[in-house]
Amino acid sequence: MDCTLTSIFLALLCVAVVLLIVLVIGIFITSTPYPNLGRYESEKVFEDPSKNEKFSFPSIHDPPSTDLSVIVPAYFEEERLPSMMDEALDYLEDRQKKNPSFNYEIIVVNDGSTDKTSETALEYSKKYGTSKVRVLTLEKNRGKGGAIRLGMFVARGRQLLFADADGASKFSDLNKLEVEMKKVKNSDNMAVVCGSRAHLEKDSIAQRSLFRTILMYGFHFLVYFMCVKGIKDTQCGFKLLTRESAVLLFSNLHVERWAFDVDMLYLAQTFNIPIGEVAISWQEIEGSKMIPVWSWLQMGRDLILIRLRYMLGAWRINKNIKSS
């Protein structure tokens, strides 16, 4: 009997070892050490609809020439984008009137949409000028993280904010992020400040099914256990970065889809970049591209892979990237 149990145990152990080896090999086969930072030629220019001409985007490696860049990833957002743009521009224009030295730009990144997302955004370029609103149209869908990365790489701002195109967050909360930025920014001008919906969680739980609530808590646990500690809401699409932080983090970002925020914050903690978190207003907007259960499961898988790929060295980090 003892021999039989020992044989079974050894057999199971061998199977486990083989599966582990297969998993490790699979992780290396499906991983590239460094992210692909390449762009299509069409993604290096923006259109000025008033002149019907195209001009080259600047580079994030150039010295900053404006105070704030707002990156708006947009995927099939022709209907929801105007509301967000109107609110953002009303706030930014009012701020500029009160402080004429304040300058800003909004970069709408059409993430491979085939609707009229670019045309809708270009109407704002025509109205406000390309010094304030520029449209980057991607050749193909990259995912939210990939779209934000390419938007960051053509931005001119000293500080860079990315905000969702649905207008779920209130743009006036930018002031809260800027106040926190001044508090946490280190001597190397490095910092990331996250808008947070964690204070709204109790109300949102009351509207969710038990299964979705369990999935949400499971996701939060995986984020804490596998990747990012100390941040209550990693997924809110309203985050402010210094230019120096944006260069370093988005040059190393491997995840281009839903879990990119976790990858970015994991990298920030790896680089010892200060991270702040402030509560913001937020409302549910119809038309989300996320499928709650399926998207959470996908992100859960991505979280495990993020940790394993960095831990095993399948993904590598370049610490020698300079902002200029």
C-alpha atoms as a PDB file:
ATOM      1  CA  MET A   1       0.000   0.000   0.000  1.00  0.00           C
ATOM      2  CA  ASP A   2       2.794   2.404   0.946  1.00  0.00           C
ATOM      3  CA  CYS A   3       4.594   1.606  -2.300  1.00  0.00           C
ATOM      4  CA  THR A   4       1.431   2.343  -4.283  1.00  0.00           C
ATOM      5  CA  LEU A   5       0.928   5.722  -2.581  1.00  0.00           C
ATOM      6  CA  THR A   6       4.565   6.585  -3.089  1.00  0.00           C
ATOM      7  CA  SER A   7       4.310   5.682  -6.793  1.00  0.00           C
ATOM      8  CA  ILE A   8       1.196   7.818  -7.206  1.00  0.00           C
ATOM      9  CA  PHE A   9       2.850  10.738  -5.421  1.00  0.00           C
ATOM     10  CA  LEU A  10       5.975  10.478  -7.593  1.00  0.00           C
ATOM     11  CA  ALA A  11       3.873  10.230 -10.739  1.00  0.00           C
ATOM     12  CA  LEU A  12       1.888  13.350  -9.776  1.00  0.00           C
ATOM     13  CA  LEU A  13       5.117  15.148  -8.910  1.00  0.00           C
ATOM     14  CA  CYS A  14       6.586  14.285 -12.313  1.00  0.00           C
ATOM     15  CA  VAL A  15       3.431  15.514 -14.043  1.00  0.00           C
ATOM     16  CA  ALA A  16       3.578  18.761 -12.047  1.00  0.00           C
ATOM     17  CA  VAL A  17       7.237  19.286 -12.944  1.00  0.00           C
ATOM     18  CA  VAL A  18       6.551  18.638 -16.632  1.00  0.00           C
ATOM     19  CA  LEU A  19       3.606  21.057 -16.609  1.00  0.00           C
ATOM     20  CA  LEU A  20       5.739  23.675 -14.877  1.00  0.00           C
ATOM     21  CA  ILE A  21       8.487  23.278 -17.479  1.00  0.00           C
ATOM     22  CA  VAL A  22       5.925  23.531 -20.287  1.00  0.00           C
ATOM     23  CA  LEU A  23       4.464  26.671 -18.646  1.00  0.00           C
ATOM     24  CA  VAL A  24       7.873  28.337 -18.356  1.00  0.00           C
ATOM     25  CA  ILE A  25       8.760  27.447 -21.948  1.00  0.00           C
ATOM     26  CA  GLY A  26       5.377  28.747 -23.095  1.00  0.00           C
ATOM     27  CA  ILE A  27       5.880  32.027 -21.233  1.00  0.00           C
ATOM     28  CA  PHE A  28       9.256  32.601 -22.916  1.00  0.00           C
ATOM     29  CA  ILE A  29       7.949  31.615 -26.368  1.00  0.00           C
ATOM     30  CA  THR A  30       5.004  34.028 -26.123  1.00  0.00           C
ATOM     31  CA  SER A  31       7.019  36.912 -24.647  1.00  0.00           C
ATOM     32  CA  THR A  32       9.325  39.512 -26.133  1.00  0.00           C
ATOM     33  CA  PRO A  33      11.954  40.903 -23.721  1.00  0.00           C
ATOM     34  CA  TYR A  34      11.247  44.554 -24.514  1.00  0.00           C
ATOM     35  CA  PRO A  35       8.050  46.195 -25.794  1.00  0.00           C
ATOM     36  CA  ASN A  36       7.704  47.110 -29.458  1.00  0.00           C
ATOM     37  CA  LEU A  37       7.839  50.906 -29.602  1.00  0.00           C
ATOM     38  CA  GLY A  38       7.598  51.153 -33.387  1.00  0.00           C
ATOM     39  CA  ARG A  39       5.032  53.261 -35.244  1.00  0.00           C
ATOM     40  CA  TYR A  40       3.598  53.344 -38.738  1.00  0.00           C
ATOM     41  CA  GLU A  41       4.534  56.383 -40.835  1.00  0.00           C
ATOM     42  CA  SER A  42       0.917  57.587 -40.763  1.00  0.00           C
ATOM     43  CA  GLU A  43       1.073  57.648 -36.952  1.00  0.00           C
ATOM     44  CA  LYS A  44       3.895  60.196 -36.985  1.00  0.00           C
ATOM     45  CA  VAL A  45       1.726  63.027 -38.333  1.00  0.00           C
ATOM     46  CA  PHE A  46      -1.437  64.900 -37.404  1.00  0.00           C
ATOM     47  CA  GLU A  47      -3.901  66.723 -39.632  1.00  0.00           C
ATOM     48  CA  ASP A  48      -4.701  70.421 -39.494  1.00  0.00           C
ATOM     49  CA  PRO A  49      -8.267  70.459 -40.898  1.00  0.00           C
ATOM     50  CA  SER A  50      -8.238  74.253 -41.319  1.00  0.00           C
ATOM     51  CA  LYS A  51      -5.284  74.068 -43.718  1.00  0.00           C
ATOM     52  CA  ASN A  52      -5.940  70.566 -45.028  1.00  0.00           C
ATOM     53  CA  GLU A  53      -2.281  69.773 -44.326  1.00  0.00           C
ATOM     54  CA  LYS A  54      -0.399  67.258 -42.225  1.00  0.00           C
ATOM     55  CA  PHE A  55       2.408  68.047 -39.803  1.00  0.00           C
ATOM     56  CA  SER A  56       4.894  65.918 -37.900  1.00  0.00           C
ATOM     57  CA  PHE A  57       4.213  65.182 -34.261  1.00  0.00           C
ATOM     58  CA  PRO A  58       6.934  66.159 -31.784  1.00  0.00           C
ATOM     59  CA  SER A  59       8.557  63.577 -29.508  1.00  0.00           C
ATOM     60  CA  ILE A  60       8.290  63.097 -25.776  1.00  0.00           C
ATOM     61  CA  HIS A  61      12.099  63.148 -25.809  1.00  0.00           C
ATOM     62  CA  ASP A  62      11.966  66.813 -26.866  1.00  0.00           C
ATOM     63  CA  PRO A  63      11.927  69.478 -24.137  1.00  0.00           C
ATOM     64  CA  PRO A  64       8.351  70.211 -22.962  1.00  0.00           C
ATOM     65  CA  SER A  65       6.651  73.203 -24.556  1.00  0.00           C
ATOM     66  CA  THR A  66       3.267  73.257 -22.798  1.00  0.00           C
ATOM     67  CA  ASP A  67       2.046  72.809 -19.245  1.00  0.00           C
ATOM     68  CA  LEU A  68      -0.409  69.958 -19.671  1.00  0.00           C
ATOM     69  CA  SER A  69      -1.042  67.236 -22.232  1.00  0.00           C
ATOM     70  CA  VAL A  70      -4.286  65.286 -22.019  1.00  0.00           C
ATOM     71  CA  ILE A  71      -4.258  61.890 -23.734  1.00  0.00           C
ATOM     72  CA  VAL A  72      -7.692  60.514 -24.643  1.00  0.00           C
ATOM     73  CA  PRO A  73      -7.759  56.924 -25.972  1.00  0.00           C
ATOM     74  CA  ALA A  74     -10.834  56.491 -28.143  1.00  0.00           C
ATOM     75  CA  TYR A  75     -12.186  53.294 -29.661  1.00  0.00           C
ATOM     76  CA  PHE A  76     -15.519  53.674 -31.500  1.00  0.00           C
ATOM     77  CA  GLU A  77     -16.288  56.809 -29.479  1.00  0.00           C
ATOM     78  CA  GLU A  78     -17.960  59.110 -32.002  1.00  0.00           C
ATOM     79  CA  GLU A  79     -21.090  59.298 -29.818  1.00  0.00           C
ATOM     80  CA  ARG A  80     -19.561  59.634 -26.330  1.00  0.00           C
ATOM     81  CA  LEU A  81     -16.503  61.717 -27.208  1.00  0.00           C
ATOM     82  CA  PRO A  82     -18.237  65.113 -27.699  1.00  0.00           C
ATOM     83  CA  SER A  83     -19.600  65.233 -24.153  1.00  0.00           C
ATOM     84  CA  MET A  84     -16.165  64.509 -22.677  1.00  0.00           C
ATOM     85  CA  MET A  85     -14.395  66.978 -24.982  1.00  0.00           C
ATOM     86  CA  ASP A  86     -16.896  69.748 -24.255  1.00  0.00           C
ATOM     87  CA  GLU A  87     -16.434  69.370 -20.503  1.00  0.00           C
ATOM     88  CA  ALA A  88     -12.631  69.131 -20.739  1.00  0.00           C
ATOM     89  CA  LEU A  89     -12.280  72.119 -23.044  1.00  0.00           C
ATOM     90  CA  ASP A  90     -14.693  74.256 -21.005  1.00  0.00           C
ATOM     91  CA  TYR A  91     -12.567  73.592 -17.917  1.00  0.00           C
ATOM     92  CA  LEU A  92      -9.218  74.115 -19.654  1.00  0.00           C
ATOM     93  CA  GLU A  93     -10.313  77.243 -21.527  1.00  0.00           C
ATOM     94  CA  ASP A  94     -11.703  78.760 -18.316  1.00  0.00           C
ATOM     95  CA  ARG A  95      -8.450  77.976 -16.546  1.00  0.00           C
ATOM     96  CA  GLN A  96      -6.473  79.612 -19.321  1.00  0.00           C
ATOM     97  CA  LYS A  97      -8.613  82.754 -19.119  1.00  0.00           C
ATOM     98  CA  LYS A  98      -7.913  82.997 -15.392  1.00  0.00           C
ATOM     99  CA  ASN A  99      -4.220  82.251 -15.919  1.00  0.00           C
ATOM    100  CA  PRO A 100      -3.082  83.308 -19.436  1.00  0.00           C
ATOM    101  CA  SER A 101       0.335  81.722 -18.923  1.00  0.00           C
ATOM    102  CA  PHE A 102      -1.281  78.260 -18.656  1.00  0.00           C
ATOM    103  CA  ASN A 103      -1.056  76.216 -21.871  1.00  0.00           C
ATOM    104  CA  TYR A 104      -2.518  72.831 -22.695  1.00  0.00           C
ATOM    105  CA  GLU A 105      -3.157  70.330 -25.453  1.00  0.00           C
ATOM    106  CA  ILE A 106      -5.562  67.436 -25.898  1.00  0.00           C
ATOM    107  CA  ILE A 107      -4.442  64.472 -27.992  1.00  0.00           C
ATOM    108  CA  VAL A 108      -7.291  62.205 -29.061  1.00  0.00           C
ATOM    109  CA  VAL A 109      -5.914  58.799 -30.047  1.00  0.00           C
ATOM    110  CA  ASN A 110      -8.242  56.913 -32.372  1.00  0.00           C
ATOM    111  CA  ASP A 111      -7.334  53.312 -31.540  1.00  0.00           C
ATOM    112  CA  GLY A 112      -8.136  51.783 -34.921  1.00  0.00           C
ATOM    113  CA  SER A 113     -11.839  52.710 -34.944  1.00  0.00           C
ATOM    114  CA  THR A 114     -13.650  52.499 -38.272  1.00  0.00           C
ATOM    115  CA  ASP A 115     -16.478  54.842 -37.286  1.00  0.00           C
ATOM    116  CA  LYS A 116     -16.241  58.650 -37.251  1.00  0.00           C
ATOM    117  CA  THR A 117     -14.153  58.960 -34.094  1.00  0.00           C
ATOM    118  CA  SER A 118     -11.331  60.796 -35.903  1.00  0.00           C
ATOM    119  CA  GLU A 119     -13.732  63.048 -37.800  1.00  0.00           C
ATOM    120  CA  THR A 120     -15.523  63.947 -34.573  1.00  0.00           C
ATOM    121  CA  ALA A 121     -12.240  64.806 -32.864  1.00  0.00           C
ATOM    122  CA  LEU A 122     -11.024  66.801 -35.870  1.00  0.00           C
ATOM    123  CA  GLU A 123     -14.018  69.123 -35.507  1.00  0.00           C
ATOM    124  CA  TYR A 124     -12.471  70.227 -32.218  1.00  0.00           C
ATOM    125  CA  SER A 125      -9.086  70.711 -33.932  1.00  0.00           C
ATOM    126  CA  LYS A 126     -10.828  72.955 -36.433  1.00  0.00           C
ATOM    127  CA  LYS A 127     -12.612  74.926 -33.712  1.00  0.00           C
ATOM    128  CA  TYR A 128      -9.777  75.308 -31.184  1.00  0.00           C
ATOM    129  CA  GLY A 129      -6.727  74.913 -33.428  1.00  0.00           C
ATOM    130  CA  THR A 130      -4.135  72.136 -33.559  1.00  0.00           C
ATOM    131  CA  SER A 131      -2.046  73.821 -30.885  1.00  0.00           C
ATOM    132  CA  LYS A 132      -4.809  72.757 -28.476  1.00  0.00           C
ATOM    133  CA  VAL A 133      -6.412  69.668 -30.039  1.00  0.00           C
ATOM    134  CA  ARG A 134      -4.595  67.085 -32.133  1.00  0.00           C
ATOM    135  CA  VAL A 135      -5.805  63.747 -33.444  1.00  0.00           C
ATOM    136  CA  LEU A 136      -3.579  60.681 -33.685  1.00  0.00           C
ATOM    137  CA  THR A 137      -5.188  57.977 -35.806  1.00  0.00           C
ATOM    138  CA  LEU A 138      -3.669  54.525 -35.366  1.00  0.00           C
ATOM    139  CA  GLU A 139      -3.364  52.127 -38.283  1.00  0.00           C
ATOM    140  CA  LYS A 140      -4.750  49.264 -36.211  1.00  0.00           C
ATOM    141  CA  ASN A 141      -6.220  48.637 -32.792  1.00  0.00           C
ATOM    142  CA  ARG A 142      -3.471  48.483 -30.136  1.00  0.00           C
ATOM    143  CA  GLY A 143      -5.583  48.335 -26.994  1.00  0.00           C
ATOM    144  CA  LYS A 144      -6.110  51.117 -24.471  1.00  0.00           C
ATOM    145  CA  GLY A 145      -2.580  50.923 -23.062  1.00  0.00           C
ATOM    146  CA  GLY A 146      -1.032  50.897 -26.526  1.00  0.00           C
ATOM    147  CA  ALA A 147      -3.100  53.899 -27.589  1.00  0.00           C
ATOM    148  CA  ILE A 148      -2.138  55.872 -24.475  1.00  0.00           C
ATOM    149  CA  ARG A 149       1.533  54.975 -24.990  1.00  0.00           C
ATOM    150  CA  LEU A 150       1.570  56.400 -28.523  1.00  0.00           C
ATOM    151  CA  GLY A 151      -0.317  59.482 -27.341  1.00  0.00           C
ATOM    152  CA  MET A 152       2.236  60.001 -24.581  1.00  0.00           C
ATOM    153  CA  PHE A 153       5.103  59.677 -27.039  1.00  0.00           C
ATOM    154  CA  VAL A 154       3.897  62.666 -29.108  1.00  0.00           C
ATOM    155  CA  ALA A 155       2.917  64.880 -26.160  1.00  0.00           C
ATOM    156  CA  ARG A 156       4.456  68.265 -25.358  1.00  0.00           C
ATOM    157  CA  GLY A 157       3.383  68.667 -21.740  1.00  0.00           C
ATOM    158  CA  ARG A 158       5.369  68.966 -18.524  1.00  0.00           C
ATOM    159  CA  GLN A 159       2.583  66.945 -16.964  1.00  0.00           C
ATOM    160  CA  LEU A 160       0.583  64.313 -18.816  1.00  0.00           C
ATOM    161  CA  LEU A 161      -2.925  63.174 -17.956  1.00  0.00           C
ATOM    162  CA  PHE A 162      -4.785  60.308 -19.525  1.00  0.00           C
ATOM    163  CA  ALA A 163      -8.562  60.390 -19.332  1.00  0.00           C
ATOM    164  CA  ASP A 164     -11.263  58.093 -20.696  1.00  0.00           C
ATOM    165  CA  ALA A 165     -13.302  59.247 -23.684  1.00  0.00           C
ATOM    166  CA  ASP A 166     -16.610  58.376 -22.020  1.00  0.00           C
ATOM    167  CA  GLY A 167     -16.476  61.321 -19.606  1.00  0.00           C
ATOM    168  CA  ALA A 168     -17.087  59.125 -16.545  1.00  0.00           C
ATOM    169  CA  SER A 169     -14.673  61.234 -14.482  1.00  0.00           C
ATOM    170  CA  LYS A 170     -15.135  64.967 -13.903  1.00  0.00           C
ATOM    171  CA  PHE A 171     -12.378  67.044 -15.443  1.00  0.00           C
ATOM    172  CA  SER A 172     -12.500  69.581 -12.645  1.00  0.00           C
ATOM    173  CA  ASP A 173     -10.975  66.885 -10.396  1.00  0.00           C
ATOM    174  CA  LEU A 174      -7.689  67.456 -12.226  1.00  0.00           C
ATOM    175  CA  ASN A 175      -6.939  70.098  -9.589  1.00  0.00           C
ATOM    176  CA  LYS A 176      -6.992  67.403  -6.876  1.00  0.00           C
ATOM    177  CA  LEU A 177      -4.451  65.342  -8.796  1.00  0.00           C
ATOM    178  CA  GLU A 178      -2.189  68.359  -9.299  1.00  0.00           C
ATOM    179  CA  VAL A 179      -2.252  69.204  -5.583  1.00  0.00           C
ATOM    180  CA  GLU A 180      -1.293  65.612  -4.759  1.00  0.00           C
ATOM    181  CA  MET A 181       1.405  65.697  -7.440  1.00  0.00           C
ATOM    182  CA  LYS A 182       3.139  68.590  -5.667  1.00  0.00           C
ATOM    183  CA  LYS A 183       3.084  66.603  -2.426  1.00  0.00           C
ATOM    184  CA  VAL A 184       4.536  63.329  -3.720  1.00  0.00           C
ATOM    185  CA  LYS A 185       6.884  64.408  -6.534  1.00  0.00           C
ATOM    186  CA  ASN A 186      10.519  63.599  -5.766  1.00  0.00           C
ATOM    187  CA  SER A 187      13.721  65.524  -6.531  1.00  0.00           C
ATOM    188  CA  ASP A 188      14.029  63.797  -9.925  1.00  0.00           C
ATOM    189  CA  ASN A 189      10.594  65.159 -10.895  1.00  0.00           C
ATOM    190  CA  MET A 190       9.136  61.654 -10.813  1.00  0.00           C
ATOM    191  CA  ALA A 191       5.560  60.940  -9.730  1.00  0.00           C
ATOM    192  CA  VAL A 192       2.294  59.270 -10.719  1.00  0.00           C
ATOM    193  CA  VAL A 193      -1.058  60.325  -9.246  1.00  0.00           C
ATOM    194  CA  CYS A 194      -4.083  58.059  -9.628  1.00  0.00           C
ATOM    195  CA  GLY A 195      -7.679  59.169  -9.532  1.00  0.00           C
ATOM    196  CA  SER A 196      -9.572  56.708  -7.348  1.00  0.00           C
ATOM    197  CA  ARG A 197     -13.151  55.409  -7.189  1.00  0.00           C
ATOM    198  CA  ALA A 198     -12.485  53.280  -4.102  1.00  0.00           C
ATOM    199  CA  HIS A 199     -14.644  55.558  -1.931  1.00  0.00           C
ATOM    200  CA  LEU A 200     -17.619  54.736  -4.178  1.00  0.00           C
ATOM    201  CA  GLU A 201     -17.176  50.971  -3.877  1.00  0.00           C
ATOM    202  CA  LYS A 202     -19.843  50.388  -1.206  1.00  0.00           C
ATOM    203  CA  ASP A 203     -22.538  51.996  -3.340  1.00  0.00           C
ATOM    204  CA  SER A 204     -21.461  50.100  -6.460  1.00  0.00           C
ATOM    205  CA  ILE A 205     -21.470  46.754  -4.618  1.00  0.00           C
ATOM    206  CA  ALA A 206     -25.130  47.246  -3.769  1.00  0.00           C
ATOM    207  CA  GLN A 207     -25.907  47.305  -7.500  1.00  0.00           C
ATOM    208  CA  ARG A 208     -23.833  44.229  -8.394  1.00  0.00           C
ATOM    209  CA  SER A 209     -24.648  40.550  -8.301  1.00  0.00           C
ATOM    210  CA  LEU A 210     -22.868  38.405  -5.717  1.00  0.00           C
ATOM    211  CA  PHE A 211     -20.872  36.694  -8.483  1.00  0.00           C
ATOM    212  CA  ARG A 212     -19.616  40.014  -9.893  1.00  0.00           C
ATOM    213  CA  THR A 213     -18.752  41.228  -6.400  1.00  0.00           C
ATOM    214  CA  ILE A 214     -16.710  38.068  -5.762  1.00  0.00           C
ATOM    215  CA  LEU A 215     -14.900  38.563  -9.086  1.00  0.00           C
ATOM    216  CA  MET A 216     -14.162  42.191  -8.204  1.00  0.00           C
ATOM    217  CA  TYR A 217     -12.692  41.302  -4.807  1.00  0.00           C
ATOM    218  CA  GLY A 218     -10.762  38.437  -6.394  1.00  0.00           C
ATOM    219  CA  PHE A 219      -9.256  40.869  -8.905  1.00  0.00           C
ATOM    220  CA  HIS A 220      -8.319  43.340  -6.144  1.00  0.00           C
ATOM    221  CA  PHE A 221      -6.642  40.528  -4.199  1.00  0.00           C
ATOM    222  CA  LEU A 222      -4.643  39.417  -7.245  1.00  0.00           C
ATOM    223  CA  VAL A 223      -3.526  43.004  -7.902  1.00  0.00           C
ATOM    224  CA  TYR A 224      -2.314  43.345  -4.303  1.00  0.00           C
ATOM    225  CA  PHE A 225      -0.774  39.883  -4.022  1.00  0.00           C
ATOM    226  CA  MET A 226       0.854  39.666  -7.462  1.00  0.00           C
ATOM    227  CA  CYS A 227       1.717  43.172  -8.591  1.00  0.00           C
ATOM    228  CA  VAL A 228       0.795  46.448  -6.904  1.00  0.00           C
ATOM    229  CA  LYS A 229       0.514  47.160  -3.191  1.00  0.00           C
ATOM    230  CA  GLY A 230      -0.923  50.234  -1.500  1.00  0.00           C
ATOM    231  CA  ILE A 231      -3.184  51.444  -4.337  1.00  0.00           C
ATOM    232  CA  LYS A 232      -6.913  50.934  -3.754  1.00  0.00           C
ATOM    233  CA  ASP A 233      -8.038  51.550  -7.348  1.00  0.00           C
ATOM    234  CA  THR A 234      -5.534  50.706 -10.065  1.00  0.00           C
ATOM    235  CA  GLN A 235      -8.041  50.769 -12.940  1.00  0.00           C
ATOM    236  CA  CYS A 236      -9.508  54.270 -12.850  1.00  0.00           C
ATOM    237  CA  GLY A 237      -8.805  55.906 -16.213  1.00  0.00           C
ATOM    238  CA  PHE A 238      -7.779  59.289 -14.799  1.00  0.00           C
ATOM    239  CA  LYS A 239      -4.059  59.418 -14.010  1.00  0.00           C
ATOM    240  CA  LEU A 240      -1.496  62.225 -13.996  1.00  0.00           C
ATOM    241  CA  LEU A 241       2.229  61.713 -14.639  1.00  0.00           C
ATOM    242  CA  THR A 242       5.268  63.924 -14.844  1.00  0.00           C
ATOM    243  CA  ARG A 243       6.978  63.927 -18.227  1.00  0.00           C
ATOM    244  CA  GLU A 244      10.006  62.136 -16.810  1.00  0.00           C
ATOM    245  CA  SER A 245       7.823  59.369 -15.364  1.00  0.00           C
ATOM    246  CA  ALA A 246       5.856  58.980 -18.589  1.00  0.00           C
ATOM    247  CA  VAL A 247       9.051  58.460 -20.626  1.00  0.00           C
ATOM    248  CA  LEU A 248      10.378  55.794 -18.300  1.00  0.00           C
ATOM    249  CA  LEU A 249       7.131  53.920 -17.660  1.00  0.00           C
ATOM    250  CA  PHE A 250       5.620  53.864 -21.150  1.00  0.00           C
ATOM    251  CA  SER A 251       8.956  52.951 -22.731  1.00  0.00           C
ATOM    252  CA  ASN A 252       8.915  49.830 -20.555  1.00  0.00           C
ATOM    253  CA  LEU A 253       5.177  49.072 -20.629  1.00  0.00           C
ATOM    254  CA  HIS A 254       4.535  45.563 -21.959  1.00  0.00           C
ATOM    255  CA  VAL A 255       0.758  45.229 -21.511  1.00  0.00           C
ATOM    256  CA  GLU A 256      -1.271  47.165 -24.069  1.00  0.00           C
ATOM    257  CA  ARG A 257      -4.807  46.139 -23.145  1.00  0.00           C
ATOM    258  CA  TRP A 258      -7.046  46.275 -20.049  1.00  0.00           C
ATOM    259  CA  ALA A 259      -4.407  45.421 -17.441  1.00  0.00           C
ATOM    260  CA  PHE A 260      -1.925  48.045 -18.646  1.00  0.00           C
ATOM    261  CA  ASP A 261      -2.570  50.224 -15.549  1.00  0.00           C
ATOM    262  CA  VAL A 262      -1.308  47.419 -13.306  1.00  0.00           C
ATOM    263  CA  ASP A 263       1.792  46.961 -15.452  1.00  0.00           C
ATOM    264  CA  MET A 264       2.447  50.713 -15.330  1.00  0.00           C
ATOM    265  CA  LEU A 265       2.052  50.910 -11.531  1.00  0.00           C
ATOM    266  CA  TYR A 266       4.127  47.738 -11.046  1.00  0.00           C
ATOM    267  CA  LEU A 267       6.912  49.409 -13.024  1.00  0.00           C
ATOM    268  CA  ALA A 268       6.490  52.626 -11.028  1.00  0.00           C
ATOM    269  CA  GLN A 269       6.993  50.731  -7.775  1.00  0.00           C
ATOM    270  CA  THR A 270       9.946  48.862  -9.296  1.00  0.00           C
ATOM    271  CA  PHE A 271      11.556  52.226 -10.142  1.00  0.00           C
ATOM    272  CA  ASN A 272      10.604  53.668  -6.725  1.00  0.00           C
ATOM    273  CA  ILE A 273       8.557  56.376  -8.401  1.00  0.00           C
ATOM    274  CA  PRO A 274       6.250  58.024  -5.836  1.00  0.00           C
ATOM    275  CA  ILE A 275       2.570  57.162  -6.360  1.00  0.00           C
ATOM    276  CA  GLY A 276      -0.307  59.247  -5.015  1.00  0.00           C
ATOM    277  CA  GLU A 277      -4.019  58.414  -4.993  1.00  0.00           C
ATOM    278  CA  VAL A 278      -6.931  60.831  -4.577  1.00  0.00           C
ATOM    279  CA  ALA A 279     -10.687  60.321  -4.556  1.00  0.00           C
ATOM    280  CA  ILE A 280     -12.516  61.706  -7.597  1.00  0.00           C
ATOM    281  CA  SER A 281     -16.097  61.970  -8.795  1.00  0.00           C
ATOM    282  CA  TRP A 282     -17.145  59.237 -11.159  1.00  0.00           C
ATOM    283  CA  GLN A 283     -20.337  58.049 -12.841  1.00  0.00           C
ATOM    284  CA  GLU A 284     -21.268  55.009 -14.875  1.00  0.00           C
ATOM    285  CA  ILE A 285     -21.631  55.835 -18.578  1.00  0.00           C
ATOM    286  CA  GLU A 286     -23.456  53.537 -20.978  1.00  0.00           C
ATOM    287  CA  GLY A 287     -21.505  52.059 -23.864  1.00  0.00           C
ATOM    288  CA  SER A 288     -18.494  50.616 -22.036  1.00  0.00           C
ATOM    289  CA  LYS A 289     -16.260  48.375 -24.169  1.00  0.00           C
ATOM    290  CA  MET A 290     -15.595  46.146 -21.148  1.00  0.00           C
ATOM    291  CA  ILE A 291     -17.573  42.934 -20.723  1.00  0.00           C
ATOM    292  CA  PRO A 292     -17.565  42.796 -16.894  1.00  0.00           C
ATOM    293  CA  VAL A 293     -17.106  39.080 -16.157  1.00  0.00           C
ATOM    294  CA  TRP A 294     -15.030  38.192 -19.223  1.00  0.00           C
ATOM    295  CA  SER A 295     -12.835  41.314 -18.978  1.00  0.00           C
ATOM    296  CA  TRP A 296     -12.116  40.683 -15.290  1.00  0.00           C
ATOM    297  CA  LEU A 297     -11.135  37.084 -16.051  1.00  0.00           C
ATOM    298  CA  GLN A 298      -8.839  38.278 -18.828  1.00  0.00           C
ATOM    299  CA  MET A 299      -7.267  40.839 -16.517  1.00  0.00           C
ATOM    300  CA  GLY A 300      -6.838  38.212 -13.813  1.00  0.00           C
ATOM    301  CA  ARG A 301      -4.943  36.053 -16.283  1.00  0.00           C
ATOM    302  CA  ASP A 302      -2.853  39.047 -17.328  1.00  0.00           C
ATOM    303  CA  LEU A 303      -1.972  39.863 -13.708  1.00  0.00           C
ATOM    304  CA  ILE A 304      -0.561  36.387 -13.145  1.00  0.00           C
ATOM    305  CA  LEU A 305       1.380  36.564 -16.409  1.00  0.00           C
ATOM    306  CA  ILE A 306       2.739  40.037 -15.592  1.00  0.00           C
ATOM    307  CA  ARG A 307       4.216  38.764 -12.349  1.00  0.00           C
ATOM    308  CA  LEU A 308       5.584  35.544 -13.866  1.00  0.00           C
ATOM    309  CA  ARG A 309       7.096  37.207 -16.928  1.00  0.00           C
ATOM    310  CA  TYR A 310       8.976  39.810 -14.899  1.00  0.00           C
ATOM    311  CA  MET A 311       9.984  37.284 -12.245  1.00  0.00           C
ATOM    312  CA  LEU A 312      11.326  34.790 -14.808  1.00  0.00           C
ATOM    313  CA  GLY A 313      13.042  37.481 -16.897  1.00  0.00           C
ATOM    314  CA  ALA A 314      10.884  36.888 -19.973  1.00  0.00           C
ATOM    315  CA  TRP A 315      10.076  40.609 -19.745  1.00  0.00           C
ATOM    316  CA  ARG A 316      12.961  42.954 -19.075  1.00  0.00           C
ATOM    317  CA  ILE A 317      13.177  46.508 -17.843  1.00  0.00           C
ATOM    318  CA  ASN A 318      15.343  49.199 -19.413  1.00  0.00           C
ATOM    319  CA  LYS A 319      16.446  51.575 -16.656  1.00  0.00           C
ATOM    320  CA  ASN A 320      18.654  53.732 -18.877  1.00  0.00           C
ATOM    321  CA  ILE A 321      15.935  55.592 -20.791  1.00  0.00           C
ATOM    322  CA  LYS A 322      16.392  59.354 -20.647  1.00  0.00           C
ATOM    323  CA  SER A 323      13.745  62.024 -21.063  1.00  0.00           C
ATOM    324  CA  SER A 324      15.918  64.084 -23.413  1.00  0.00           C
END
